[in-house]
Amino acid sequence: MLYRFIVNPQANGGKTGTQIPFVRSVLDASGVTYELCETEGPGHAAELAQVNYDPDLCVVAVGGDGTLHEVCCGLMAQSKKVPLGVVPMGTGNDFVKVLDMPKNLKDGIRALTNATVRIVDVGWVRWEENGMAREEPFLNAVGIGFDAQVAYFSQELKHWPGMSGYMVAVIKTLRYWHCPDVNIVAHLANSECLRYTGPLLLATVGNGVSSGGAFYLTPRATIDDQKLNACVVPQLSTGHILRLLPKVVRGRHEADPAIETAEVTSLKLVSDTPLPIHTDGEVVSAQAHEIEVHIEANALPLLVPSAPL
């Protein structure tokens, strides 16, 4: 088996770049056949992931959720897909929370190189911007509204330690966010399962359980159940939001009567004002009025640790 490791040296505020020699030493000691490619800028990881299909090849994203997203985009652009692996070395590392990956880098690489292949679902989000239709896949989650605005502000704070930059972005967004009026209709298979009309704080559709590094907006999501999980939060008072945040961190917010959740296979949102969108934490639009999300079931082979080490 040949492993192509795609490393983003800028992940985690540039700390990932300093770890590349250690990654090489662990791989050399493991005895696996590999090549290590460093990204040179935005979009490069997707290019590096577009390789000719080989049944003995795996592509591994080394970095954060943004790196993983780009690699996923590159693989999804191909008709025949090689397995995807991930070595989490970013700030939030949201997607791997569903994989039971060891936190220690050495153990994580060892778990990856002894992993099994699991076929997982991939979500897609489509929207129109400046008269042009656009779409992006997402492996973990798509966020619309407040959480996408937080992701936008947090881009300038990635050098802050741990989750501190993200929390500052949350506070900043609380000051500036104005809830637009929206209409949301979601379906599970062919049956309507969620409908909301009114001012929106956020709508998140998750294939994974966590967003923003610590917020379990879709805690019951599963990556291979042919469904996505939607969480719709209406306009709330600042006090209500602040009381809700600790519950979201623990994934216990769904009991709040103001929040609507559902398993979905598709969702459509129409807004009276432009909305920001993030896919896997990466802001892809700030001007979307009509947004559609759907699932592509059994879309991508994923390397999953065979058992905890």
Protein backbone atom coordinates (compact mmCIF):
# COMPACT_ATOMS: atom_id res chain seq x y z
CA MET A 1 0.00 0.00 0.00
CA LEU A 2 1.27 3.48 -0.92
CA TYR A 3 0.20 6.38 1.28
CA ARG A 4 0.24 9.90 -0.15
CA PHE A 5 0.39 12.28 2.82
CA ILE A 6 -0.80 15.80 1.95
CA VAL A 7 0.48 18.13 4.65
CA ASN A 8 -0.62 21.69 5.23
CA PRO A 9 2.36 23.32 7.00
CA GLN A 10 0.22 26.37 7.87
CA ALA A 11 -2.35 24.35 9.86
CA ASN A 12 -2.71 25.07 13.57
CA GLY A 13 -1.09 28.47 13.23
CA GLY A 14 1.94 27.02 11.45
CA LYS A 15 2.70 24.44 14.16
CA THR A 16 2.01 21.58 11.74
CA GLY A 17 4.93 22.70 9.59
CA THR A 18 7.31 22.36 12.52
CA GLN A 19 6.12 18.77 13.04
CA ILE A 20 6.89 17.56 9.51
CA PRO A 21 10.35 16.12 10.38
CA PHE A 22 8.75 14.15 13.23
CA VAL A 23 5.99 12.89 10.91
CA ARG A 24 8.66 11.68 8.48
CA SER A 25 10.58 9.93 11.25
CA VAL A 26 7.43 8.12 12.46
CA LEU A 27 6.58 7.04 8.91
CA ASP A 28 10.14 5.86 8.27
CA ALA A 29 10.07 3.82 11.46
CA SER A 30 6.69 2.29 10.58
CA GLY A 31 8.06 0.73 7.40
CA VAL A 32 5.13 1.86 5.21
CA THR A 33 5.63 3.05 1.65
CA TYR A 34 4.73 6.72 1.45
CA GLU A 35 5.22 10.04 -0.23
CA LEU A 36 4.82 13.33 1.60
CA CYS A 37 3.59 16.42 -0.24
CA GLU A 38 3.44 19.90 1.32
CA THR A 39 0.73 22.32 0.23
CA GLU A 40 1.80 25.72 -1.05
CA GLY A 41 -1.44 27.66 -0.69
CA PRO A 42 -5.24 27.57 -0.81
CA GLY A 43 -6.60 24.94 -3.20
CA HIS A 44 -3.30 23.08 -3.52
CA ALA A 45 -4.41 20.18 -1.30
CA ALA A 46 -7.33 19.51 -3.67
CA GLU A 47 -4.94 19.43 -6.62
CA LEU A 48 -2.58 17.04 -4.84
CA ALA A 49 -5.51 14.73 -4.05
CA GLN A 50 -6.48 14.34 -7.70
CA VAL A 51 -4.37 11.31 -8.49
CA ASN A 52 -4.84 8.48 -10.98
CA TYR A 53 -6.84 5.68 -9.39
CA ASP A 54 -4.74 2.87 -7.97
CA PRO A 55 -6.23 0.15 -5.73
CA ASP A 56 -3.02 0.20 -3.67
CA LEU A 57 -3.08 3.96 -3.01
CA CYS A 58 -4.49 5.95 -0.07
CA VAL A 59 -4.55 9.73 0.22
CA VAL A 60 -4.09 11.16 3.72
CA ALA A 61 -4.87 14.73 4.82
CA VAL A 62 -2.45 16.02 7.46
CA GLY A 63 -3.68 19.23 9.04
CA GLY A 64 -7.00 20.62 10.20
CA ASP A 65 -10.56 20.38 8.95
CA GLY A 66 -9.79 22.87 6.17
CA THR A 67 -7.05 20.63 4.80
CA LEU A 68 -9.34 17.61 5.07
CA HIS A 69 -12.06 19.55 3.24
CA GLU A 70 -9.75 20.42 0.35
CA VAL A 71 -8.56 16.83 0.03
CA CYS A 72 -12.18 15.66 0.07
CA CYS A 73 -12.99 18.15 -2.71
CA GLY A 74 -10.15 16.76 -4.79
CA LEU A 75 -11.24 13.16 -4.31
CA MET A 76 -14.92 13.91 -4.96
CA ALA A 77 -13.98 15.49 -8.30
CA GLN A 78 -12.92 12.04 -9.53
CA SER A 79 -15.25 9.30 -10.69
CA LYS A 80 -13.25 6.51 -9.02
CA LYS A 81 -12.08 7.38 -5.53
CA VAL A 82 -9.09 6.18 -3.56
CA PRO A 83 -9.49 5.83 0.22
CA LEU A 84 -9.12 8.96 2.34
CA GLY A 85 -7.26 9.06 5.65
CA VAL A 86 -6.68 11.85 8.13
CA VAL A 87 -3.94 12.74 10.60
CA PRO A 88 -5.48 15.53 12.73
CA MET A 89 -3.01 18.37 13.26
CA GLY A 90 -5.28 21.40 13.10
CA THR A 91 -6.93 23.62 15.68
CA GLY A 92 -10.43 22.20 15.91
CA ASN A 93 -10.11 18.73 14.36
CA ASP A 94 -13.89 18.31 14.32
CA PHE A 95 -14.37 15.47 11.86
CA VAL A 96 -12.05 12.99 13.57
CA LYS A 97 -14.24 13.11 16.69
CA VAL A 98 -16.34 10.40 15.01
CA LEU A 99 -13.31 8.17 14.24
CA ASP A 100 -11.87 7.34 17.67
CA MET A 101 -8.44 8.49 16.48
CA PRO A 102 -5.68 8.50 19.12
CA LYS A 103 -4.67 12.02 20.11
CA ASN A 104 -0.98 11.16 20.21
CA LEU A 105 0.57 11.80 16.79
CA LYS A 106 2.69 8.65 16.76
CA ASP A 107 -0.26 6.46 17.77
CA GLY A 108 -2.50 8.24 15.29
CA ILE A 109 -0.21 7.49 12.36
CA ARG A 110 0.14 3.89 13.49
CA ALA A 111 -3.65 3.56 13.76
CA LEU A 112 -4.04 5.03 10.30
CA THR A 113 -1.59 2.66 8.66
CA ASN A 114 -3.42 -0.29 10.25
CA ALA A 115 -6.90 1.02 9.50
CA THR A 116 -9.84 -0.58 7.74
CA VAL A 117 -11.82 1.00 4.91
CA ARG A 118 -15.34 2.22 5.67
CA ILE A 119 -17.65 3.68 2.99
CA VAL A 120 -19.10 6.95 4.27
CA ASP A 121 -21.58 9.58 3.17
CA VAL A 122 -20.68 13.03 1.84
CA GLY A 123 -22.91 16.10 1.92
CA TRP A 124 -23.26 18.72 -0.79
CA VAL A 125 -24.30 22.36 -0.53
CA ARG A 126 -25.42 24.38 -3.54
CA TRP A 127 -26.16 28.08 -3.81
CA GLU A 128 -26.29 30.91 -6.33
CA GLU A 129 -23.98 33.88 -6.05
CA ASN A 130 -23.65 36.79 -8.49
CA GLY A 131 -25.83 34.92 -10.98
CA MET A 132 -23.65 31.79 -10.91
CA ALA A 133 -24.51 28.42 -9.39
CA ARG A 134 -21.85 27.00 -7.07
CA GLU A 135 -21.53 23.82 -5.05
CA GLU A 136 -19.15 22.28 -2.52
CA PRO A 137 -18.95 18.86 -0.87
CA PHE A 138 -18.60 18.62 2.88
CA LEU A 139 -17.41 15.72 4.96
CA ASN A 140 -18.21 17.10 8.40
CA ALA A 141 -20.80 19.92 8.33
CA VAL A 142 -22.20 22.91 6.52
CA GLY A 143 -23.15 25.95 8.58
CA ILE A 144 -25.44 28.79 7.52
CA GLY A 145 -25.78 32.06 9.38
CA PHE A 146 -24.27 32.78 12.79
CA ASP A 147 -21.74 29.92 12.88
CA ALA A 148 -20.54 30.75 9.36
CA GLN A 149 -20.01 34.37 10.46
CA VAL A 150 -18.03 33.09 13.45
CA ALA A 151 -15.91 31.02 11.05
CA TYR A 152 -15.30 34.17 8.97
CA PHE A 153 -14.16 36.24 11.96
CA SER A 154 -12.05 33.38 13.36
CA GLN A 155 -9.96 33.25 10.16
CA GLU A 156 -8.07 36.30 11.40
CA LEU A 157 -7.53 34.71 14.82
CA LYS A 158 -6.10 31.32 13.87
CA HIS A 159 -2.77 32.24 15.45
CA TRP A 160 -4.46 32.50 18.86
CA PRO A 161 -3.81 29.48 21.12
CA GLY A 162 -6.31 26.62 21.29
CA MET A 163 -9.96 27.63 21.01
CA SER A 164 -9.44 31.19 22.30
CA GLY A 165 -9.59 32.75 18.84
CA TYR A 166 -12.83 30.96 18.04
CA MET A 167 -14.43 32.10 21.30
CA VAL A 168 -13.43 35.71 20.59
CA ALA A 169 -15.06 35.34 17.17
CA VAL A 170 -18.25 34.07 18.85
CA ILE A 171 -18.37 37.15 21.09
CA LYS A 172 -17.71 39.46 18.13
CA THR A 173 -20.48 37.81 16.11
CA LEU A 174 -22.92 38.19 19.01
CA ARG A 175 -22.36 41.95 18.79
CA TYR A 176 -22.87 42.29 15.04
CA TRP A 177 -25.21 39.49 13.93
CA HIS A 178 -28.70 40.44 12.72
CA CYS A 179 -31.05 37.51 12.23
CA PRO A 180 -32.55 37.43 8.71
CA ASP A 181 -36.00 36.08 7.91
CA VAL A 182 -35.77 32.68 6.25
CA ASN A 183 -37.90 29.82 5.07
CA ILE A 184 -36.53 26.29 5.61
CA VAL A 185 -37.98 23.03 4.37
CA ALA A 186 -36.16 19.73 4.94
CA HIS A 187 -36.95 16.20 3.83
CA LEU A 188 -36.01 12.70 4.96
CA ALA A 189 -36.21 10.56 1.83
CA ASN A 190 -39.46 11.86 0.23
CA SER A 191 -41.25 12.97 3.40
CA GLU A 192 -41.08 16.45 4.89
CA CYS A 193 -39.48 16.28 8.33
CA LEU A 194 -38.73 19.91 9.26
CA ARG A 195 -40.19 23.28 8.40
CA TYR A 196 -39.24 26.66 9.83
CA THR A 197 -40.20 30.22 8.88
CA GLY A 198 -38.90 33.23 10.78
CA PRO A 199 -35.74 34.99 11.94
CA LEU A 200 -32.73 32.65 11.97
CA LEU A 201 -29.70 32.50 14.21
CA LEU A 202 -28.13 29.49 12.50
CA ALA A 203 -28.78 26.32 10.57
CA THR A 204 -26.21 23.54 10.65
CA VAL A 205 -26.42 20.30 8.69
CA GLY A 206 -23.95 17.73 9.96
CA ASN A 207 -22.48 14.49 8.73
CA GLY A 208 -20.16 14.65 11.74
CA VAL A 209 -21.00 15.57 15.31
CA SER A 210 -18.98 18.71 16.05
CA SER A 211 -18.28 22.15 14.57
CA GLY A 212 -16.00 24.95 15.63
CA GLY A 213 -13.77 22.58 17.58
CA ALA A 214 -16.05 22.21 20.58
CA PHE A 215 -19.71 22.68 19.60
CA TYR A 216 -21.74 19.48 19.23
CA LEU A 217 -24.60 20.95 17.20
CA THR A 218 -25.41 17.57 15.60
CA PRO A 219 -24.38 15.10 18.33
CA ARG A 220 -26.35 12.15 16.93
CA ALA A 221 -24.96 12.32 13.39
CA THR A 222 -23.38 9.20 11.90
CA ILE A 223 -21.10 9.24 8.87
CA ASP A 224 -22.50 6.14 7.16
CA ASP A 225 -26.25 6.05 7.90
CA GLN A 226 -27.35 7.64 4.59
CA LYS A 227 -28.71 10.64 6.52
CA LEU A 228 -27.57 14.06 7.64
CA ASN A 229 -28.61 15.75 10.89
CA ALA A 230 -30.03 19.27 10.85
CA CYS A 231 -30.07 21.75 13.72
CA VAL A 232 -32.07 24.96 13.27
CA VAL A 233 -31.77 27.68 15.91
CA PRO A 234 -34.14 30.67 15.65
CA GLN A 235 -33.44 34.21 16.80
CA LEU A 236 -32.72 34.13 20.54
CA SER A 237 -31.86 36.72 23.13
CA THR A 238 -28.19 37.15 23.99
CA GLY A 239 -28.88 35.74 27.44
CA HIS A 240 -30.54 32.67 25.95
CA ILE A 241 -27.58 32.11 23.62
CA LEU A 242 -25.07 32.39 26.47
CA ARG A 243 -27.06 29.89 28.54
CA LEU A 244 -27.25 27.59 25.54
CA LEU A 245 -23.53 27.55 24.69
CA PRO A 246 -22.44 25.22 27.55
CA LYS A 247 -25.20 22.80 26.54
CA VAL A 248 -24.02 22.82 22.92
CA VAL A 249 -20.47 22.02 24.07
CA ARG A 250 -21.90 18.89 25.74
CA GLY A 251 -24.37 18.12 22.93
CA ARG A 252 -27.33 18.57 25.28
CA HIS A 253 -29.08 21.50 23.61
CA GLU A 254 -31.66 19.49 21.68
CA ALA A 255 -34.07 19.50 24.64
CA ASP A 256 -34.43 23.29 24.32
CA PRO A 257 -37.95 23.84 22.89
CA ALA A 258 -36.71 26.71 20.72
CA ILE A 259 -34.38 24.43 18.73
CA GLU A 260 -35.52 22.21 15.88
CA THR A 261 -33.56 19.11 14.95
CA ALA A 262 -34.20 16.35 12.44
CA GLU A 263 -32.58 13.64 10.37
CA VAL A 264 -32.65 14.81 6.76
CA THR A 265 -31.57 13.80 3.29
CA SER A 266 -32.11 17.29 1.83
CA LEU A 267 -32.76 20.83 3.05
CA LYS A 268 -33.60 24.08 1.29
CA LEU A 269 -33.23 27.52 2.84
CA VAL A 270 -34.38 30.80 1.28
CA SER A 271 -33.35 34.07 2.94
CA ASP A 272 -34.51 37.64 2.44
CA THR A 273 -30.93 38.90 2.95
CA PRO A 274 -27.51 37.45 2.01
CA LEU A 275 -26.16 34.77 4.33
CA PRO A 276 -22.66 33.39 4.94
CA ILE A 277 -21.97 29.68 4.47
CA HIS A 278 -19.13 27.53 5.76
CA THR A 279 -18.27 24.01 4.65
CA ASP A 280 -16.14 22.08 7.16
CA GLY A 281 -15.23 25.39 8.79
CA GLU A 282 -14.12 27.08 5.55
CA VAL A 283 -16.19 30.12 4.52
CA VAL A 284 -17.29 29.63 0.92
CA SER A 285 -19.82 32.45 0.54
CA ALA A 286 -21.10 35.58 2.25
CA GLN A 287 -23.84 36.38 -0.26
CA ALA A 288 -26.14 33.37 -0.52
CA HIS A 289 -29.91 33.83 -0.69
CA GLU A 290 -31.06 30.36 -1.72
CA ILE A 291 -29.20 27.37 -0.35
CA GLU A 292 -29.76 23.66 -0.94
CA VAL A 293 -28.13 20.81 0.97
CA HIS A 294 -28.35 17.12 0.12
CA ILE A 295 -26.58 13.86 0.89
CA GLU A 296 -24.61 11.62 -1.42
CA ALA A 297 -24.83 8.28 0.34
CA ASN A 298 -21.96 5.78 0.29
CA ALA A 299 -19.80 8.29 -1.55
CA LEU A 300 -16.25 7.96 -0.26
CA PRO A 301 -13.98 5.21 1.18
CA LEU A 302 -12.50 6.36 4.48
CA LEU A 303 -9.66 4.89 6.54
CA VAL A 304 -10.94 4.18 10.06
CA PRO A 305 -8.86 2.82 12.98
CA SER A 306 -9.54 -0.89 13.37
CA ALA A 307 -9.48 -0.73 17.18
CA PRO A 308 -8.29 1.65 19.88
CA LEU A 309 -4.56 1.30 20.58
